[in-house]
Amino acid sequence: MHILLVEDDPQMAEYLRKALVEAGAAVDRAADGREGLLMAAGSDYDVLILDRMLPGLDGLAIVRTLRASGNHTPVLFLSALGDVDDRVEGLRAGGDDYLIKPFAFSELQARVEALLRRGAAEAPETRLRVADLEMDLLKREVTRAGQSIQLQPREFRLLECLMRHAGQVVTRTMLLEQVWDYHFDPQTNVIDVHISRLRGKIDKDFEPPLLQTVRGAGYRLQAG
């Protein structure tokens, strides 16, 4: 757990830093808004804890700038401004939670843990792996045993569907819906043709074969 703490009060900052480290976190600290923005934009943090009122650049401006640049690291605001309008303004600026000073550290810790859970649940999956077969969803690349495999767009979607259900039988109906966007059986051999092509690319020159036909049921991608 890597946390950036942006707090200008040195006593408060040291108290929170020490408590967070004791709770198992790695903590970086910035003492003003401009330094905090540079650190937040330049490193990957799991959570940002921002005092709202900061010298140089306030917490709202930091979060607005980060969100505008595509940075969606969870943000917990700390502030003595506790009116409803203040809390709403912080959340609408892009904050994920808002804690009013003074507060108990146990509550801050619980809120940080909740933000971490939420971030983990929302984090998109970017890589799929079955045995030595790997798919990079961002780069749209597939390798097996380190060797690049060239797939057509439909073959890529077919393999992605099978890899997301690795070890499970994927029926023809599931493939028609998820790969071809058909919600009916077109009564063609389109699936068989693509499965054959895909098998020739991911299994032909490798051991063991991964793509299995389950008679009367569908297909399964499975290691071993």
C-alpha atoms as a PDB file:
ATOM      1  CA  MET A   1       0.000   0.000   0.000  1.00  0.00           C
ATOM      2  CA  HIS A   2       1.697   3.184  -1.238  1.00  0.00           C
ATOM      3  CA  ILE A   3       0.157   6.426   0.005  1.00  0.00           C
ATOM      4  CA  LEU A   4       0.867  10.065  -0.771  1.00  0.00           C
ATOM      5  CA  LEU A   5       0.056  12.360   2.142  1.00  0.00           C
ATOM      6  CA  VAL A   6      -0.234  16.061   1.271  1.00  0.00           C
ATOM      7  CA  GLU A   7      -0.450  17.974   4.558  1.00  0.00           C
ATOM      8  CA  ASP A   8       1.149  21.306   5.441  1.00  0.00           C
ATOM      9  CA  ASP A   9       0.828  20.973   9.237  1.00  0.00           C
ATOM     10  CA  PRO A  10       4.101  19.260  10.247  1.00  0.00           C
ATOM     11  CA  GLN A  11       2.736  17.797  13.508  1.00  0.00           C
ATOM     12  CA  MET A  12      -0.374  16.381  11.848  1.00  0.00           C
ATOM     13  CA  ALA A  13       1.686  15.079   8.924  1.00  0.00           C
ATOM     14  CA  GLU A  14       4.192  13.297  11.165  1.00  0.00           C
ATOM     15  CA  TYR A  15       1.431  11.789  13.314  1.00  0.00           C
ATOM     16  CA  LEU A  16      -0.407  10.427  10.273  1.00  0.00           C
ATOM     17  CA  ARG A  17       2.781   9.263   8.544  1.00  0.00           C
ATOM     18  CA  LYS A  18       3.909   7.318  11.601  1.00  0.00           C
ATOM     19  CA  ALA A  19       0.484   5.748  12.169  1.00  0.00           C
ATOM     20  CA  LEU A  20       0.127   4.743   8.496  1.00  0.00           C
ATOM     21  CA  VAL A  21       3.604   3.205   8.446  1.00  0.00           C
ATOM     22  CA  GLU A  22       2.758   1.231  11.599  1.00  0.00           C
ATOM     23  CA  ALA A  23      -0.356   0.017   9.756  1.00  0.00           C
ATOM     24  CA  GLY A  24       1.857  -1.356   6.972  1.00  0.00           C
ATOM     25  CA  ALA A  25       1.799   1.450   4.414  1.00  0.00           C
ATOM     26  CA  ALA A  26       4.655   3.107   2.554  1.00  0.00           C
ATOM     27  CA  VAL A  27       4.086   6.850   2.870  1.00  0.00           C
ATOM     28  CA  ASP A  28       5.461   9.805   0.912  1.00  0.00           C
ATOM     29  CA  ARG A  29       4.701  13.307   2.162  1.00  0.00           C
ATOM     30  CA  ALA A  30       4.382  16.653   0.431  1.00  0.00           C
ATOM     31  CA  ALA A  31       4.158  19.876   2.439  1.00  0.00           C
ATOM     32  CA  ASP A  32       2.394  22.075  -0.107  1.00  0.00           C
ATOM     33  CA  GLY A  33      -0.021  21.787  -3.001  1.00  0.00           C
ATOM     34  CA  ARG A  34       2.398  22.244  -5.881  1.00  0.00           C
ATOM     35  CA  GLU A  35       4.810  19.628  -4.562  1.00  0.00           C
ATOM     36  CA  GLY A  36       1.861  17.319  -3.937  1.00  0.00           C
ATOM     37  CA  LEU A  37       0.590  17.662  -7.492  1.00  0.00           C
ATOM     38  CA  LEU A  38       4.025  16.930  -8.954  1.00  0.00           C
ATOM     39  CA  MET A  39       4.446  13.844  -6.764  1.00  0.00           C
ATOM     40  CA  ALA A  40       0.921  12.581  -7.449  1.00  0.00           C
ATOM     41  CA  ALA A  41       1.336  13.008 -11.199  1.00  0.00           C
ATOM     42  CA  GLY A  42       4.817  11.507 -11.291  1.00  0.00           C
ATOM     43  CA  SER A  43       4.358   8.292  -9.299  1.00  0.00           C
ATOM     44  CA  ASP A  44       1.824   5.488  -8.941  1.00  0.00           C
ATOM     45  CA  TYR A  45       0.058   5.669  -5.587  1.00  0.00           C
ATOM     46  CA  ASP A  46      -2.725   3.496  -4.237  1.00  0.00           C
ATOM     47  CA  VAL A  47      -4.385   6.343  -2.327  1.00  0.00           C
ATOM     48  CA  LEU A  48      -3.894  10.105  -2.025  1.00  0.00           C
ATOM     49  CA  ILE A  49      -4.673  11.763   1.326  1.00  0.00           C
ATOM     50  CA  LEU A  50      -5.033  15.504   0.725  1.00  0.00           C
ATOM     51  CA  ASP A  51      -5.557  18.352   3.118  1.00  0.00           C
ATOM     52  CA  ARG A  52      -8.068  20.606   1.423  1.00  0.00           C
ATOM     53  CA  MET A  53      -6.475  23.923   2.476  1.00  0.00           C
ATOM     54  CA  LEU A  54      -2.862  23.914   1.272  1.00  0.00           C
ATOM     55  CA  PRO A  55      -0.309  26.626   0.464  1.00  0.00           C
ATOM     56  CA  GLY A  56       0.596  27.028  -3.194  1.00  0.00           C
ATOM     57  CA  LEU A  57      -2.324  25.023  -4.572  1.00  0.00           C
ATOM     58  CA  ASP A  58      -5.372  23.819  -2.666  1.00  0.00           C
ATOM     59  CA  GLY A  59      -6.595  20.236  -2.575  1.00  0.00           C
ATOM     60  CA  LEU A  60      -9.528  20.885  -4.897  1.00  0.00           C
ATOM     61  CA  ALA A  61      -7.226  22.238  -7.612  1.00  0.00           C
ATOM     62  CA  ILE A  62      -4.903  19.248  -7.221  1.00  0.00           C
ATOM     63  CA  VAL A  63      -7.721  16.760  -7.712  1.00  0.00           C
ATOM     64  CA  ARG A  64      -9.290  18.644 -10.624  1.00  0.00           C
ATOM     65  CA  THR A  65      -5.910  18.718 -12.381  1.00  0.00           C
ATOM     66  CA  LEU A  66      -5.277  15.025 -11.792  1.00  0.00           C
ATOM     67  CA  ARG A  67      -8.719  13.996 -12.994  1.00  0.00           C
ATOM     68  CA  ALA A  68      -8.414  16.161 -16.108  1.00  0.00           C
ATOM     69  CA  SER A  69      -5.164  14.373 -16.960  1.00  0.00           C
ATOM     70  CA  GLY A  70      -6.750  10.915 -16.580  1.00  0.00           C
ATOM     71  CA  ASN A  71      -5.333  10.124 -13.133  1.00  0.00           C
ATOM     72  CA  HIS A  72      -8.028   8.283 -11.149  1.00  0.00           C
ATOM     73  CA  THR A  73      -6.096   7.394  -7.994  1.00  0.00           C
ATOM     74  CA  PRO A  74      -8.570   7.351  -5.068  1.00  0.00           C
ATOM     75  CA  VAL A  75      -8.509  10.598  -3.044  1.00  0.00           C
ATOM     76  CA  LEU A  76      -9.429  11.112   0.607  1.00  0.00           C
ATOM     77  CA  PHE A  77      -9.841  14.766   1.574  1.00  0.00           C
ATOM     78  CA  LEU A  78      -8.993  15.950   5.082  1.00  0.00           C
ATOM     79  CA  SER A  79     -10.532  19.263   6.079  1.00  0.00           C
ATOM     80  CA  ALA A  80     -11.792  21.385   8.917  1.00  0.00           C
ATOM     81  CA  LEU A  81     -14.447  22.638   6.484  1.00  0.00           C
ATOM     82  CA  GLY A  82     -17.280  20.335   7.398  1.00  0.00           C
ATOM     83  CA  ASP A  83     -20.435  21.958   6.036  1.00  0.00           C
ATOM     84  CA  VAL A  84     -22.504  19.963   3.589  1.00  0.00           C
ATOM     85  CA  ASP A  85     -21.654  22.371   0.763  1.00  0.00           C
ATOM     86  CA  ASP A  86     -17.926  21.970   1.473  1.00  0.00           C
ATOM     87  CA  ARG A  87     -18.163  18.180   1.405  1.00  0.00           C
ATOM     88  CA  VAL A  88     -20.209  18.225  -1.797  1.00  0.00           C
ATOM     89  CA  GLU A  89     -17.701  20.570  -3.443  1.00  0.00           C
ATOM     90  CA  GLY A  90     -14.853  18.217  -2.556  1.00  0.00           C
ATOM     91  CA  LEU A  91     -16.610  15.167  -3.936  1.00  0.00           C
ATOM     92  CA  ARG A  92     -17.692  16.951  -7.108  1.00  0.00           C
ATOM     93  CA  ALA A  93     -14.129  18.097  -7.694  1.00  0.00           C
ATOM     94  CA  GLY A  94     -13.168  14.431  -7.990  1.00  0.00           C
ATOM     95  CA  GLY A  95     -12.586  13.348  -4.399  1.00  0.00           C
ATOM     96  CA  ASP A  96     -13.697   9.868  -3.377  1.00  0.00           C
ATOM     97  CA  ASP A  97     -14.174  10.477   0.351  1.00  0.00           C
ATOM     98  CA  TYR A  98     -14.128  13.384   2.790  1.00  0.00           C
ATOM     99  CA  LEU A  99     -13.030  13.244   6.444  1.00  0.00           C
ATOM    100  CA  ILE A 100     -13.641  16.186   8.771  1.00  0.00           C
ATOM    101  CA  LYS A 101     -10.993  17.282  11.262  1.00  0.00           C
ATOM    102  CA  PRO A 102     -10.584  16.373  14.052  1.00  0.00           C
ATOM    103  CA  PHE A 103     -10.894  12.632  13.460  1.00  0.00           C
ATOM    104  CA  ALA A 104      -9.755   9.350  14.977  1.00  0.00           C
ATOM    105  CA  PHE A 105      -6.965   7.582  13.099  1.00  0.00           C
ATOM    106  CA  SER A 106      -8.995   4.360  13.183  1.00  0.00           C
ATOM    107  CA  GLU A 107     -11.660   6.040  11.040  1.00  0.00           C
ATOM    108  CA  LEU A 108      -9.082   7.343   8.559  1.00  0.00           C
ATOM    109  CA  GLN A 109      -7.557   3.883   8.336  1.00  0.00           C
ATOM    110  CA  ALA A 110     -10.957   2.288   7.708  1.00  0.00           C
ATOM    111  CA  ARG A 111     -11.745   4.811   4.966  1.00  0.00           C
ATOM    112  CA  VAL A 112      -8.372   4.235   3.283  1.00  0.00           C
ATOM    113  CA  GLU A 113      -8.961   0.473   3.362  1.00  0.00           C
ATOM    114  CA  ALA A 114     -12.411   0.972   1.820  1.00  0.00           C
ATOM    115  CA  LEU A 115     -10.901   3.061  -0.996  1.00  0.00           C
ATOM    116  CA  LEU A 116      -8.311   0.358  -1.631  1.00  0.00           C
ATOM    117  CA  ARG A 117     -11.016  -2.312  -1.858  1.00  0.00           C
ATOM    118  CA  ARG A 118     -13.043  -0.174  -4.231  1.00  0.00           C
ATOM    119  CA  GLY A 119     -10.004   0.518  -6.404  1.00  0.00           C
ATOM    120  CA  ALA A 120      -9.136  -3.186  -6.569  1.00  0.00           C
ATOM    121  CA  ALA A 121     -12.685  -4.058  -7.579  1.00  0.00           C
ATOM    122  CA  GLU A 122     -12.743  -1.417 -10.312  1.00  0.00           C
ATOM    123  CA  ALA A 123      -9.279  -2.043 -11.687  1.00  0.00           C
ATOM    124  CA  PRO A 124      -9.637  -3.335 -15.239  1.00  0.00           C
ATOM    125  CA  GLU A 125      -8.017  -6.618 -16.158  1.00  0.00           C
ATOM    126  CA  THR A 126      -5.320  -5.989 -18.742  1.00  0.00           C
ATOM    127  CA  ARG A 127      -3.621  -9.393 -19.084  1.00  0.00           C
ATOM    128  CA  LEU A 128      -4.984 -12.934 -19.381  1.00  0.00           C
ATOM    129  CA  ARG A 129      -2.894 -16.087 -18.953  1.00  0.00           C
ATOM    130  CA  VAL A 130      -3.530 -19.811 -19.379  1.00  0.00           C
ATOM    131  CA  ALA A 131      -0.401 -21.938 -18.932  1.00  0.00           C
ATOM    132  CA  ASP A 132       2.223 -20.323 -21.218  1.00  0.00           C
ATOM    133  CA  LEU A 133      -0.420 -18.601 -23.379  1.00  0.00           C
ATOM    134  CA  GLU A 134      -0.650 -14.873 -22.623  1.00  0.00           C
ATOM    135  CA  MET A 135      -2.892 -12.103 -23.915  1.00  0.00           C
ATOM    136  CA  ASP A 136      -2.226  -8.390 -23.461  1.00  0.00           C
ATOM    137  CA  LEU A 137      -5.606  -6.687 -23.780  1.00  0.00           C
ATOM    138  CA  LEU A 138      -4.160  -3.183 -24.046  1.00  0.00           C
ATOM    139  CA  LYS A 139      -1.559  -3.916 -26.708  1.00  0.00           C
ATOM    140  CA  ARG A 140      -3.821  -6.507 -28.394  1.00  0.00           C
ATOM    141  CA  GLU A 141      -0.941  -8.978 -28.426  1.00  0.00           C
ATOM    142  CA  VAL A 142      -0.860 -12.746 -27.881  1.00  0.00           C
ATOM    143  CA  THR A 143       2.181 -14.895 -27.107  1.00  0.00           C
ATOM    144  CA  ARG A 144       2.745 -18.532 -26.275  1.00  0.00           C
ATOM    145  CA  ALA A 145       6.007 -19.643 -24.687  1.00  0.00           C
ATOM    146  CA  GLY A 146       7.278 -16.167 -25.490  1.00  0.00           C
ATOM    147  CA  GLN A 147       6.540 -16.468 -29.223  1.00  0.00           C
ATOM    148  CA  SER A 148       4.277 -13.888 -30.839  1.00  0.00           C
ATOM    149  CA  ILE A 149       1.015 -15.200 -32.340  1.00  0.00           C
ATOM    150  CA  GLN A 150      -0.737 -13.115 -34.988  1.00  0.00           C
ATOM    151  CA  LEU A 151      -4.526 -13.195 -34.737  1.00  0.00           C
ATOM    152  CA  GLN A 152      -7.290 -11.624 -36.775  1.00  0.00           C
ATOM    153  CA  PRO A 153      -9.705  -9.391 -34.778  1.00  0.00           C
ATOM    154  CA  ARG A 154     -12.403 -12.087 -34.610  1.00  0.00           C
ATOM    155  CA  GLU A 155      -9.859 -14.716 -33.571  1.00  0.00           C
ATOM    156  CA  PHE A 156      -8.649 -12.370 -30.845  1.00  0.00           C
ATOM    157  CA  ARG A 157     -12.198 -11.958 -29.500  1.00  0.00           C
ATOM    158  CA  LEU A 158     -12.735 -15.704 -29.638  1.00  0.00           C
ATOM    159  CA  LEU A 159      -9.556 -16.414 -27.709  1.00  0.00           C
ATOM    160  CA  GLU A 160     -10.339 -13.678 -25.191  1.00  0.00           C
ATOM    161  CA  CYS A 161     -13.722 -15.249 -24.508  1.00  0.00           C
ATOM    162  CA  LEU A 162     -12.161 -18.683 -24.019  1.00  0.00           C
ATOM    163  CA  MET A 163      -9.394 -17.324 -21.775  1.00  0.00           C
ATOM    164  CA  ARG A 164     -11.858 -15.434 -19.575  1.00  0.00           C
ATOM    165  CA  HIS A 165     -13.630 -18.753 -19.030  1.00  0.00           C
ATOM    166  CA  ALA A 166     -10.478 -20.861 -18.735  1.00  0.00           C
ATOM    167  CA  GLY A 167     -11.183 -24.339 -17.414  1.00  0.00           C
ATOM    168  CA  GLN A 168     -14.897 -24.015 -18.163  1.00  0.00           C
ATOM    169  CA  VAL A 169     -16.949 -25.299 -21.071  1.00  0.00           C
ATOM    170  CA  VAL A 170     -17.946 -22.407 -23.340  1.00  0.00           C
ATOM    171  CA  THR A 171     -21.035 -23.289 -25.332  1.00  0.00           C
ATOM    172  CA  ARG A 172     -21.667 -22.422 -28.957  1.00  0.00           C
ATOM    173  CA  THR A 173     -24.470 -20.122 -27.849  1.00  0.00           C
ATOM    174  CA  MET A 174     -22.098 -18.226 -25.572  1.00  0.00           C
ATOM    175  CA  LEU A 175     -19.593 -17.830 -28.396  1.00  0.00           C
ATOM    176  CA  LEU A 176     -22.229 -16.644 -30.858  1.00  0.00           C
ATOM    177  CA  GLU A 177     -23.430 -14.002 -28.393  1.00  0.00           C
ATOM    178  CA  GLN A 178     -20.081 -12.816 -27.011  1.00  0.00           C
ATOM    179  CA  VAL A 179     -17.874 -13.064 -30.108  1.00  0.00           C
ATOM    180  CA  TRP A 180     -20.270 -12.555 -33.037  1.00  0.00           C
ATOM    181  CA  ASP A 181     -23.039 -10.601 -31.261  1.00  0.00           C
ATOM    182  CA  TYR A 182     -25.592 -13.081 -32.610  1.00  0.00           C
ATOM    183  CA  HIS A 183     -28.593 -13.843 -30.448  1.00  0.00           C
ATOM    184  CA  PHE A 184     -29.719 -16.646 -32.715  1.00  0.00           C
ATOM    185  CA  ASP A 185     -28.066 -19.647 -34.375  1.00  0.00           C
ATOM    186  CA  PRO A 186     -27.198 -18.691 -37.966  1.00  0.00           C
ATOM    187  CA  GLN A 187     -26.963 -22.417 -38.845  1.00  0.00           C
ATOM    188  CA  THR A 188     -23.460 -22.068 -40.290  1.00  0.00           C
ATOM    189  CA  ASN A 189     -20.086 -23.589 -39.443  1.00  0.00           C
ATOM    190  CA  VAL A 190     -18.572 -20.168 -38.624  1.00  0.00           C
ATOM    191  CA  ILE A 191     -17.570 -21.257 -35.113  1.00  0.00           C
ATOM    192  CA  ASP A 192     -15.963 -24.488 -36.299  1.00  0.00           C
ATOM    193  CA  VAL A 193     -13.925 -22.626 -38.917  1.00  0.00           C
ATOM    194  CA  HIS A 194     -12.619 -20.055 -36.432  1.00  0.00           C
ATOM    195  CA  ILE A 195     -11.906 -22.668 -33.760  1.00  0.00           C
ATOM    196  CA  SER A 196      -9.899 -24.654 -36.297  1.00  0.00           C
ATOM    197  CA  ARG A 197      -7.888 -21.582 -37.309  1.00  0.00           C
ATOM    198  CA  LEU A 198      -7.310 -20.594 -33.705  1.00  0.00           C
ATOM    199  CA  ARG A 199      -6.212 -24.098 -32.749  1.00  0.00           C
ATOM    200  CA  GLY A 200      -3.737 -24.071 -35.610  1.00  0.00           C
ATOM    201  CA  LYS A 201      -2.181 -20.880 -34.265  1.00  0.00           C
ATOM    202  CA  ILE A 202      -2.070 -21.483 -30.510  1.00  0.00           C
ATOM    203  CA  ASP A 203      -1.612 -25.283 -30.380  1.00  0.00           C
ATOM    204  CA  LYS A 204      -0.049 -26.572 -33.603  1.00  0.00           C
ATOM    205  CA  ASP A 205       3.598 -25.926 -32.727  1.00  0.00           C
ATOM    206  CA  PHE A 206       3.278 -26.135 -28.944  1.00  0.00           C
ATOM    207  CA  GLU A 207       2.802 -28.705 -26.209  1.00  0.00           C
ATOM    208  CA  PRO A 208       0.526 -29.485 -24.538  1.00  0.00           C
ATOM    209  CA  PRO A 209      -2.573 -28.562 -26.583  1.00  0.00           C
ATOM    210  CA  LEU A 210      -4.814 -26.133 -24.707  1.00  0.00           C
ATOM    211  CA  LEU A 211      -7.954 -25.823 -26.834  1.00  0.00           C
ATOM    212  CA  GLN A 212     -10.250 -28.789 -26.267  1.00  0.00           C
ATOM    213  CA  THR A 213     -13.507 -29.776 -27.963  1.00  0.00           C
ATOM    214  CA  VAL A 214     -16.110 -31.063 -25.523  1.00  0.00           C
ATOM    215  CA  ARG A 215     -18.453 -33.140 -27.659  1.00  0.00           C
ATOM    216  CA  GLY A 216     -22.074 -32.067 -27.504  1.00  0.00           C
ATOM    217  CA  ALA A 217     -21.248 -29.167 -25.185  1.00  0.00           C
ATOM    218  CA  GLY A 218     -18.759 -26.688 -26.664  1.00  0.00           C
ATOM    219  CA  TYR A 219     -15.095 -25.801 -26.164  1.00  0.00           C
ATOM    220  CA  ARG A 220     -12.707 -25.434 -23.263  1.00  0.00           C
ATOM    221  CA  LEU A 221      -9.319 -23.773 -22.916  1.00  0.00           C
ATOM    222  CA  GLN A 222      -7.408 -25.577 -20.237  1.00  0.00           C
ATOM    223  CA  ALA A 223      -3.809 -26.113 -19.193  1.00  0.00           C
ATOM    224  CA  GLY A 224      -2.706 -29.743 -19.270  1.00  0.00           C
END
